[in-house]
């Protein structure tokens, strides 16, 4: 399972989401995490239709299984990962 976290500088919700993702990574060491700064990689964000941050995408075999446009709690994130893994 791969988690992509789309963020931008000076985004307070992004900081909270980054912390939640870090806690999930500690519990799920096999989870691959990539953070993408949409300011630096604007074209990538545009291609995926990302118009606000933070955005979390969960991918299984390079296919999007889940997308969230908010700051999840740790239980919400873990539940989404479990559902996307099925």
PDB file of N, CA and C in Angstrom:
ATOM      1  N   UNK A   1       0.859  -1.177   0.000  1.00  0.00           N
ATOM      2  CA  UNK A   1       0.000   0.000   0.000  1.00  0.00           C
ATOM      3  C   UNK A   1       0.897   1.230   0.000  1.00  0.00           C
ATOM      4  N   UNK A   2       0.539   2.194  -0.823  1.00  0.00           N
ATOM      5  CA  UNK A   2       1.280   3.458  -0.881  1.00  0.00           C
ATOM      6  C   UNK A   2       0.338   4.586  -0.507  1.00  0.00           C
ATOM      7  N   UNK A   3       0.830   5.496   0.308  1.00  0.00           N
ATOM      8  CA  UNK A   3       0.077   6.688   0.691  1.00  0.00           C
ATOM      9  C   UNK A   3       0.792   7.893   0.115  1.00  0.00           C
ATOM     10  N   UNK A   4       0.066   8.678  -0.657  1.00  0.00           N
ATOM     11  CA  UNK A   4       0.590   9.948  -1.159  1.00  0.00           C
ATOM     12  C   UNK A   4      -0.090  11.064  -0.385  1.00  0.00           C
ATOM     13  N   UNK A   5       0.715  11.963   0.133  1.00  0.00           N
ATOM     14  CA  UNK A   5       0.216  13.110   0.896  1.00  0.00           C
ATOM     15  C   UNK A   5       0.569  14.374   0.130  1.00  0.00           C
ATOM     16  N   UNK A   6      -0.454  15.077  -0.332  1.00  0.00           N
ATOM     17  CA  UNK A   6      -0.263  16.317  -1.087  1.00  0.00           C
ATOM     18  C   UNK A   6      -0.410  17.496  -0.132  1.00  0.00           C
ATOM     19  N   UNK A   7       0.640  18.311  -0.072  1.00  0.00           N
ATOM     20  CA  UNK A   7       0.683  19.422   0.872  1.00  0.00           C
ATOM     21  C   UNK A   7       1.223  20.667   0.174  1.00  0.00           C
ATOM     22  N   UNK A   8       1.236  21.756   0.940  1.00  0.00           N
ATOM     23  CA  UNK A   8       1.898  22.984   0.500  1.00  0.00           C
ATOM     24  C   UNK A   8       2.438  23.703   1.731  1.00  0.00           C
ATOM     25  N   UNK A   9       3.448  24.541   1.529  1.00  0.00           N
ATOM     26  CA  UNK A   9       4.020  25.263   2.666  1.00  0.00           C
ATOM     27  C   UNK A   9       2.974  26.157   3.334  1.00  0.00           C
ATOM     28  N   UNK A  10       3.128  26.358   4.611  1.00  0.00           N
ATOM     29  CA  UNK A  10       2.282  27.271   5.399  1.00  0.00           C
ATOM     30  C   UNK A  10       0.818  26.830   5.435  1.00  0.00           C
ATOM     31  N   UNK A  11       0.578  25.542   5.362  1.00  0.00           N
ATOM     32  CA  UNK A  11      -0.772  24.976   5.414  1.00  0.00           C
ATOM     33  C   UNK A  11      -0.921  24.291   6.773  1.00  0.00           C
ATOM     34  N   UNK A  12      -1.661  24.919   7.685  1.00  0.00           N
ATOM     35  CA  UNK A  12      -1.812  24.361   9.042  1.00  0.00           C
ATOM     36  C   UNK A  12      -2.456  22.973   9.030  1.00  0.00           C
ATOM     37  N   UNK A  13      -3.520  22.744   8.255  1.00  0.00           N
ATOM     38  CA  UNK A  13      -4.073  21.392   8.209  1.00  0.00           C
ATOM     39  C   UNK A  13      -3.070  20.362   7.679  1.00  0.00           C
ATOM     40  N   UNK A  14      -2.163  20.802   6.806  1.00  0.00           N
ATOM     41  CA  UNK A  14      -1.138  19.893   6.276  1.00  0.00           C
ATOM     42  C   UNK A  14      -0.213  19.413   7.390  1.00  0.00           C
ATOM     43  N   UNK A  15       0.112  20.295   8.317  1.00  0.00           N
ATOM     44  CA  UNK A  15       0.981  19.927   9.440  1.00  0.00           C
ATOM     45  C   UNK A  15       0.301  18.847  10.275  1.00  0.00           C
ATOM     46  N   UNK A  16      -0.964  19.037  10.596  1.00  0.00           N
ATOM     47  CA  UNK A  16      -1.698  18.040  11.383  1.00  0.00           C
ATOM     48  C   UNK A  16      -1.813  16.713  10.631  1.00  0.00           C
ATOM     49  N   UNK A  17      -2.070  16.783   9.345  1.00  0.00           N
ATOM     50  CA  UNK A  17      -2.191  15.563   8.547  1.00  0.00           C
ATOM     51  C   UNK A  17      -0.856  14.838   8.471  1.00  0.00           C
ATOM     52  N   UNK A  18       0.224  15.586   8.306  1.00  0.00           N
ATOM     53  CA  UNK A  18       1.565  15.005   8.276  1.00  0.00           C
ATOM     54  C   UNK A  18       1.842  14.241   9.580  1.00  0.00           C
ATOM     55  N   UNK A  19       1.429  14.806  10.710  1.00  0.00           N
ATOM     56  CA  UNK A  19       1.623  14.150  12.010  1.00  0.00           C
ATOM     57  C   UNK A  19       0.804  12.862  12.088  1.00  0.00           C
ATOM     58  N   UNK A  20      -0.426  12.889  11.615  1.00  0.00           N
ATOM     59  CA  UNK A  20      -1.273  11.693  11.625  1.00  0.00           C
ATOM     60  C   UNK A  20      -0.675  10.610  10.735  1.00  0.00           C
ATOM     61  N   UNK A  21      -0.196  10.995   9.573  1.00  0.00           N
ATOM     62  CA  UNK A  21       0.418  10.034   8.654  1.00  0.00           C
ATOM     63  C   UNK A  21       1.672   9.427   9.297  1.00  0.00           C
ATOM     64  N   UNK A  22       2.458  10.228   9.979  1.00  0.00           N
ATOM     65  CA  UNK A  22       3.669   9.721  10.651  1.00  0.00           C
ATOM     66  C   UNK A  22       3.310   8.697  11.721  1.00  0.00           C
ATOM     67  N   UNK A  23       2.238   8.949  12.472  1.00  0.00           N
ATOM     68  CA  UNK A  23       1.801   7.982  13.491  1.00  0.00           C
ATOM     69  C   UNK A  23       1.327   6.685  12.832  1.00  0.00           C
ATOM     70  N   UNK A  24       0.614   6.790  11.717  1.00  0.00           N
ATOM     71  CA  UNK A  24       0.160   5.594  11.000  1.00  0.00           C
ATOM     72  C   UNK A  24       1.364   4.806  10.479  1.00  0.00           C
ATOM     73  N   UNK A  25       2.363   5.502   9.988  1.00  0.00           N
ATOM     74  CA  UNK A  25       3.574   4.855   9.464  1.00  0.00           C
ATOM     75  C   UNK A  25       4.283   4.079  10.568  1.00  0.00           C
ATOM     76  N   UNK A  26       4.294   4.605  11.793  1.00  0.00           N
ATOM     77  CA  UNK A  26       4.918   3.884  12.907  1.00  0.00           C
ATOM     78  C   UNK A  26       4.174   2.589  13.205  1.00  0.00           C
ATOM     79  N   UNK A  27       2.846   2.619  13.080  1.00  0.00           N
ATOM     80  CA  UNK A  27       2.043   1.426  13.338  1.00  0.00           C
ATOM     81  C   UNK A  27       2.064   0.441  12.170  1.00  0.00           C
ATOM     82  N   UNK A  28       2.273   0.957  10.970  1.00  0.00           N
ATOM     83  CA  UNK A  28       2.266   0.136   9.752  1.00  0.00           C
ATOM     84  C   UNK A  28       3.577   0.346   8.999  1.00  0.00           C
ATOM     85  N   UNK A  29       4.663  -0.268   9.453  1.00  0.00           N
ATOM     86  CA  UNK A  29       5.976   0.008   8.855  1.00  0.00           C
ATOM     87  C   UNK A  29       6.081  -0.323   7.367  1.00  0.00           C
ATOM     88  N   UNK A  30       5.200  -1.185   6.848  1.00  0.00           N
ATOM     89  CA  UNK A  30       5.248  -1.514   5.419  1.00  0.00           C
ATOM     90  C   UNK A  30       4.552  -0.469   4.546  1.00  0.00           C
ATOM     91  N   UNK A  31       3.870   0.466   5.172  1.00  0.00           N
ATOM     92  CA  UNK A  31       3.189   1.523   4.429  1.00  0.00           C
ATOM     93  C   UNK A  31       4.223   2.434   3.778  1.00  0.00           C
ATOM     94  N   UNK A  32       4.138   2.572   2.476  1.00  0.00           N
ATOM     95  CA  UNK A  32       5.026   3.485   1.752  1.00  0.00           C
ATOM     96  C   UNK A  32       4.379   4.864   1.761  1.00  0.00           C
ATOM     97  N   UNK A  33       5.135   5.864   2.154  1.00  0.00           N
ATOM     98  CA  UNK A  33       4.599   7.223   2.240  1.00  0.00           C
ATOM     99  C   UNK A  33       5.437   8.145   1.364  1.00  0.00           C
ATOM    100  N   UNK A  34       4.750   8.939   0.552  1.00  0.00           N
ATOM    101  CA  UNK A  34       5.412   9.959  -0.262  1.00  0.00           C
ATOM    102  C   UNK A  34       4.668  11.273  -0.053  1.00  0.00           C
ATOM    103  N   UNK A  35       5.398  12.305   0.335  1.00  0.00           N
ATOM    104  CA  UNK A  35       4.793  13.629   0.463  1.00  0.00           C
ATOM    105  C   UNK A  35       5.135  14.442  -0.775  1.00  0.00           C
ATOM    106  N   UNK A  36       4.119  15.049  -1.352  1.00  0.00           N
ATOM    107  CA  UNK A  36       4.284  15.839  -2.565  1.00  0.00           C
ATOM    108  C   UNK A  36       3.880  17.277  -2.271  1.00  0.00           C
ATOM    109  N   UNK A  37       4.810  18.189  -2.452  1.00  0.00           N
ATOM    110  CA  UNK A  37       4.553  19.619  -2.295  1.00  0.00           C
ATOM    111  C   UNK A  37       3.954  20.107  -3.612  1.00  0.00           C
ATOM    112  N   UNK A  38       2.674  20.469  -3.605  1.00  0.00           N
ATOM    113  CA  UNK A  38       2.009  20.854  -4.850  1.00  0.00           C
ATOM    114  C   UNK A  38       2.444  22.215  -5.370  1.00  0.00           C
ATOM    115  N   UNK A  39       3.135  22.983  -4.559  1.00  0.00           N
ATOM    116  CA  UNK A  39       3.703  24.237  -5.055  1.00  0.00           C
ATOM    117  C   UNK A  39       4.904  23.917  -5.942  1.00  0.00           C
ATOM    118  N   UNK A  40       5.743  22.998  -5.476  1.00  0.00           N
ATOM    119  CA  UNK A  40       6.924  22.605  -6.243  1.00  0.00           C
ATOM    120  C   UNK A  40       6.577  21.693  -7.419  1.00  0.00           C
ATOM    121  N   UNK A  41       5.518  20.895  -7.261  1.00  0.00           N
ATOM    122  CA  UNK A  41       5.126  19.937  -8.291  1.00  0.00           C
ATOM    123  C   UNK A  41       3.689  20.240  -8.745  1.00  0.00           C
ATOM    124  N   UNK A  42       3.486  21.470  -9.179  1.00  0.00           N
ATOM    125  CA  UNK A  42       2.147  21.941  -9.549  1.00  0.00           C
ATOM    126  C   UNK A  42       1.521  21.105 -10.663  1.00  0.00           C
ATOM    127  N   UNK A  43       2.304  20.708 -11.646  1.00  0.00           N
ATOM    128  CA  UNK A  43       1.753  19.944 -12.756  1.00  0.00           C
ATOM    129  C   UNK A  43       1.199  18.601 -12.274  1.00  0.00           C
ATOM    130  N   UNK A  44       1.901  17.962 -11.375  1.00  0.00           N
ATOM    131  CA  UNK A  44       1.423  16.680 -10.841  1.00  0.00           C
ATOM    132  C   UNK A  44       0.082  16.869 -10.119  1.00  0.00           C
ATOM    133  N   UNK A  45      -0.007  17.930  -9.315  1.00  0.00           N
ATOM    134  CA  UNK A  45      -1.261  18.226  -8.624  1.00  0.00           C
ATOM    135  C   UNK A  45      -2.392  18.509  -9.597  1.00  0.00           C
ATOM    136  N   UNK A  46      -2.101  19.281 -10.636  1.00  0.00           N
ATOM    137  CA  UNK A  46      -3.113  19.607 -11.637  1.00  0.00           C
ATOM    138  C   UNK A  46      -3.600  18.357 -12.360  1.00  0.00           C
ATOM    139  N   UNK A  47      -2.668  17.466 -12.709  1.00  0.00           N
ATOM    140  CA  UNK A  47      -3.030  16.240 -13.417  1.00  0.00           C
ATOM    141  C   UNK A  47      -3.994  15.379 -12.600  1.00  0.00           C
ATOM    142  N   UNK A  48      -3.862  15.445 -11.277  1.00  0.00           N
ATOM    143  CA  UNK A  48      -4.704  14.638 -10.395  1.00  0.00           C
ATOM    144  C   UNK A  48      -5.929  15.396  -9.894  1.00  0.00           C
ATOM    145  N   UNK A  49      -6.095  16.633 -10.332  1.00  0.00           N
ATOM    146  CA  UNK A  49      -7.255  17.422  -9.932  1.00  0.00           C
ATOM    147  C   UNK A  49      -7.211  17.884  -8.485  1.00  0.00           C
ATOM    148  N   UNK A  50      -6.019  18.079  -7.954  1.00  0.00           N
ATOM    149  CA  UNK A  50      -5.877  18.521  -6.570  1.00  0.00           C
ATOM    150  C   UNK A  50      -5.918  20.048  -6.548  1.00  0.00           C
ATOM    151  N   UNK A  51      -6.982  20.576  -5.949  1.00  0.00           N
ATOM    152  CA  UNK A  51      -7.183  22.023  -5.924  1.00  0.00           C
ATOM    153  C   UNK A  51      -7.054  22.618  -4.536  1.00  0.00           C
ATOM    154  N   UNK A  52      -6.934  21.770  -3.516  1.00  0.00           N
ATOM    155  CA  UNK A  52      -6.734  22.233  -2.147  1.00  0.00           C
ATOM    156  C   UNK A  52      -5.897  21.190  -1.415  1.00  0.00           C
ATOM    157  N   UNK A  53      -5.359  21.578  -0.285  1.00  0.00           N
ATOM    158  CA  UNK A  53      -4.554  20.650   0.504  1.00  0.00           C
ATOM    159  C   UNK A  53      -5.018  20.675   1.946  1.00  0.00           C
ATOM    160  N   UNK A  54      -4.765  19.630   2.678  1.00  0.00           N
ATOM    161  CA  UNK A  54      -4.072  18.400   2.309  1.00  0.00           C
ATOM    162  C   UNK A  54      -4.997  17.425   1.577  1.00  0.00           C
ATOM    163  N   UNK A  55      -4.372  16.577   0.804  1.00  0.00           N
ATOM    164  CA  UNK A  55      -5.068  15.472   0.139  1.00  0.00           C
ATOM    165  C   UNK A  55      -4.256  14.207   0.396  1.00  0.00           C
ATOM    166  N   UNK A  56      -4.960  13.159   0.759  1.00  0.00           N
ATOM    167  CA  UNK A  56      -4.345  11.844   0.929  1.00  0.00           C
ATOM    168  C   UNK A  56      -4.890  10.936  -0.154  1.00  0.00           C
ATOM    169  N   UNK A  57      -3.981  10.251  -0.834  1.00  0.00           N
ATOM    170  CA  UNK A  57      -4.376   9.222  -1.801  1.00  0.00           C
ATOM    171  C   UNK A  57      -3.762   7.911  -1.353  1.00  0.00           C
ATOM    172  N   UNK A  58      -4.571   6.854  -1.336  1.00  0.00           N
ATOM    173  CA  UNK A  58      -4.079   5.512  -1.062  1.00  0.00           C
ATOM    174  C   UNK A  58      -4.094   4.738  -2.361  1.00  0.00           C
ATOM    175  N   UNK A  59      -2.947   4.145  -2.676  1.00  0.00           N
ATOM    176  CA  UNK A  59      -2.801   3.423  -3.939  1.00  0.00           C
ATOM    177  C   UNK A  59      -2.416   1.976  -3.679  1.00  0.00           C
ATOM    178  N   UNK A  60      -3.020   1.098  -4.435  1.00  0.00           N
ATOM    179  CA  UNK A  60      -2.681  -0.321  -4.416  1.00  0.00           C
ATOM    180  C   UNK A  60      -2.370  -0.690  -5.850  1.00  0.00           C
ATOM    181  N   UNK A  61      -1.149  -1.144  -6.110  1.00  0.00           N
ATOM    182  CA  UNK A  61      -0.710  -1.483  -7.466  1.00  0.00           C
ATOM    183  C   UNK A  61      -0.931  -0.313  -8.419  1.00  0.00           C
ATOM    184  N   UNK A  62      -0.573   0.879  -7.962  1.00  0.00           N
ATOM    185  CA  UNK A  62      -0.663   2.128  -8.730  1.00  0.00           C
ATOM    186  C   UNK A  62      -2.089   2.532  -9.106  1.00  0.00           C
ATOM    187  N   UNK A  63      -3.091   1.947  -8.462  1.00  0.00           N
ATOM    188  CA  UNK A  63      -4.482   2.335  -8.690  1.00  0.00           C
ATOM    189  C   UNK A  63      -5.000   3.018  -7.428  1.00  0.00           C
ATOM    190  N   UNK A  64      -5.635   4.180  -7.622  1.00  0.00           N
ATOM    191  CA  UNK A  64      -6.183   4.903  -6.478  1.00  0.00           C
ATOM    192  C   UNK A  64      -7.346   4.116  -5.882  1.00  0.00           C
ATOM    193  N   UNK A  65      -7.233   3.833  -4.583  1.00  0.00           N
ATOM    194  CA  UNK A  65      -8.278   3.098  -3.871  1.00  0.00           C
ATOM    195  C   UNK A  65      -9.064   4.002  -2.930  1.00  0.00           C
ATOM    196  N   UNK A  66      -8.483   5.151  -2.566  1.00  0.00           N
ATOM    197  CA  UNK A  66      -9.112   6.051  -1.602  1.00  0.00           C
ATOM    198  C   UNK A  66      -8.500   7.427  -1.756  1.00  0.00           C
ATOM    199  N   UNK A  67      -9.351   8.449  -1.563  1.00  0.00           N
ATOM    200  CA  UNK A  67      -8.868   9.834  -1.578  1.00  0.00           C
ATOM    201  C   UNK A  67      -9.627  10.606  -0.513  1.00  0.00           C
ATOM    202  N   UNK A  68      -8.885  11.404   0.253  1.00  0.00           N
ATOM    203  CA  UNK A  68      -9.491  12.251   1.281  1.00  0.00           C
ATOM    204  C   UNK A  68      -8.978  13.670   1.125  1.00  0.00           C
ATOM    205  N   UNK A  69      -9.868  14.640   1.323  1.00  0.00           N
ATOM    206  CA  UNK A  69      -9.535  16.055   1.173  1.00  0.00           C
ATOM    207  C   UNK A  69      -9.597  16.780   2.507  1.00  0.00           C
ATOM    208  N   UNK A  70      -9.244  16.108   3.556  1.00  0.00           N
ATOM    209  CA  UNK A  70      -9.318  16.732   4.872  1.00  0.00           C
ATOM    210  C   UNK A  70      -8.243  16.152   5.775  1.00  0.00           C
ATOM    211  N   UNK A  71      -8.276  16.525   7.036  1.00  0.00           N
ATOM    212  CA  UNK A  71      -7.321  16.024   8.013  1.00  0.00           C
ATOM    213  C   UNK A  71      -7.984  14.906   8.805  1.00  0.00           C
ATOM    214  N   UNK A  72      -7.572  13.661   8.569  1.00  0.00           N
ATOM    215  CA  UNK A  72      -8.210  12.556   9.282  1.00  0.00           C
ATOM    216  C   UNK A  72      -7.633  12.384  10.681  1.00  0.00           C
ATOM    217  N   UNK A  73      -8.403  11.734  11.527  1.00  0.00           N
ATOM    218  CA  UNK A  73      -7.847  11.281  12.794  1.00  0.00           C
ATOM    219  C   UNK A  73      -7.066  10.004  12.504  1.00  0.00           C
ATOM    220  N   UNK A  74      -6.272   9.570  13.451  1.00  0.00           N
ATOM    221  CA  UNK A  74      -5.531   8.329  13.253  1.00  0.00           C
ATOM    222  C   UNK A  74      -6.478   7.145  13.034  1.00  0.00           C
ATOM    223  N   UNK A  75      -7.534   6.975  13.849  1.00  0.00           N
ATOM    224  CA  UNK A  75      -8.451   5.856  13.581  1.00  0.00           C
ATOM    225  C   UNK A  75      -9.110   5.934  12.198  1.00  0.00           C
ATOM    226  N   UNK A  76      -9.458   7.126  11.743  1.00  0.00           N
ATOM    227  CA  UNK A  76     -10.043   7.273  10.405  1.00  0.00           C
ATOM    228  C   UNK A  76      -9.049   6.852   9.330  1.00  0.00           C
ATOM    229  N   UNK A  77      -7.803   7.275   9.482  1.00  0.00           N
ATOM    230  CA  UNK A  77      -6.782   6.933   8.490  1.00  0.00           C
ATOM    231  C   UNK A  77      -6.524   5.433   8.483  1.00  0.00           C
ATOM    232  N   UNK A  78      -6.399   4.835   9.659  1.00  0.00           N
ATOM    233  CA  UNK A  78      -6.152   3.389   9.723  1.00  0.00           C
ATOM    234  C   UNK A  78      -7.325   2.613   9.124  1.00  0.00           C
ATOM    235  N   UNK A  79      -8.539   3.059   9.361  1.00  0.00           N
ATOM    236  CA  UNK A  79      -9.709   2.397   8.785  1.00  0.00           C
ATOM    237  C   UNK A  79      -9.704   2.515   7.262  1.00  0.00           C
ATOM    238  N   UNK A  80      -9.342   3.681   6.746  1.00  0.00           N
ATOM    239  CA  UNK A  80      -9.268   3.874   5.287  1.00  0.00           C
ATOM    240  C   UNK A  80      -8.205   2.975   4.686  1.00  0.00           C
ATOM    241  N   UNK A  81      -7.076   2.841   5.346  1.00  0.00           N
ATOM    242  CA  UNK A  81      -6.010   1.971   4.851  1.00  0.00           C
ATOM    243  C   UNK A  81      -6.493   0.523   4.831  1.00  0.00           C
ATOM    244  N   UNK A  82      -7.171   0.108   5.894  1.00  0.00           N
ATOM    245  CA  UNK A  82      -7.697  -1.261   5.956  1.00  0.00           C
ATOM    246  C   UNK A  82      -8.692  -1.518   4.834  1.00  0.00           C
ATOM    247  N   UNK A  83      -9.611  -0.575   4.603  1.00  0.00           N
ATOM    248  CA  UNK A  83     -10.604  -0.734   3.525  1.00  0.00           C
ATOM    249  C   UNK A  83      -9.929  -0.769   2.158  1.00  0.00           C
ATOM    250  N   UNK A  84      -8.947   0.083   1.963  1.00  0.00           N
ATOM    251  CA  UNK A  84      -8.273   0.146   0.662  1.00  0.00           C
ATOM    252  C   UNK A  84      -7.417  -1.085   0.397  1.00  0.00           C
ATOM    253  N   UNK A  85      -7.029  -1.765   1.449  1.00  0.00           N
ATOM    254  CA  UNK A  85      -6.186  -2.959   1.314  1.00  0.00           C
ATOM    255  C   UNK A  85      -6.968  -4.190   0.896  1.00  0.00           C
ATOM    256  N   UNK A  86      -8.280  -4.136   1.069  1.00  0.00           N
ATOM    257  CA  UNK A  86      -9.107  -5.319   0.724  1.00  0.00           C
ATOM    258  C   UNK A  86      -9.153  -5.574  -0.756  1.00  0.00           C
TER     259      UNK A  86
END
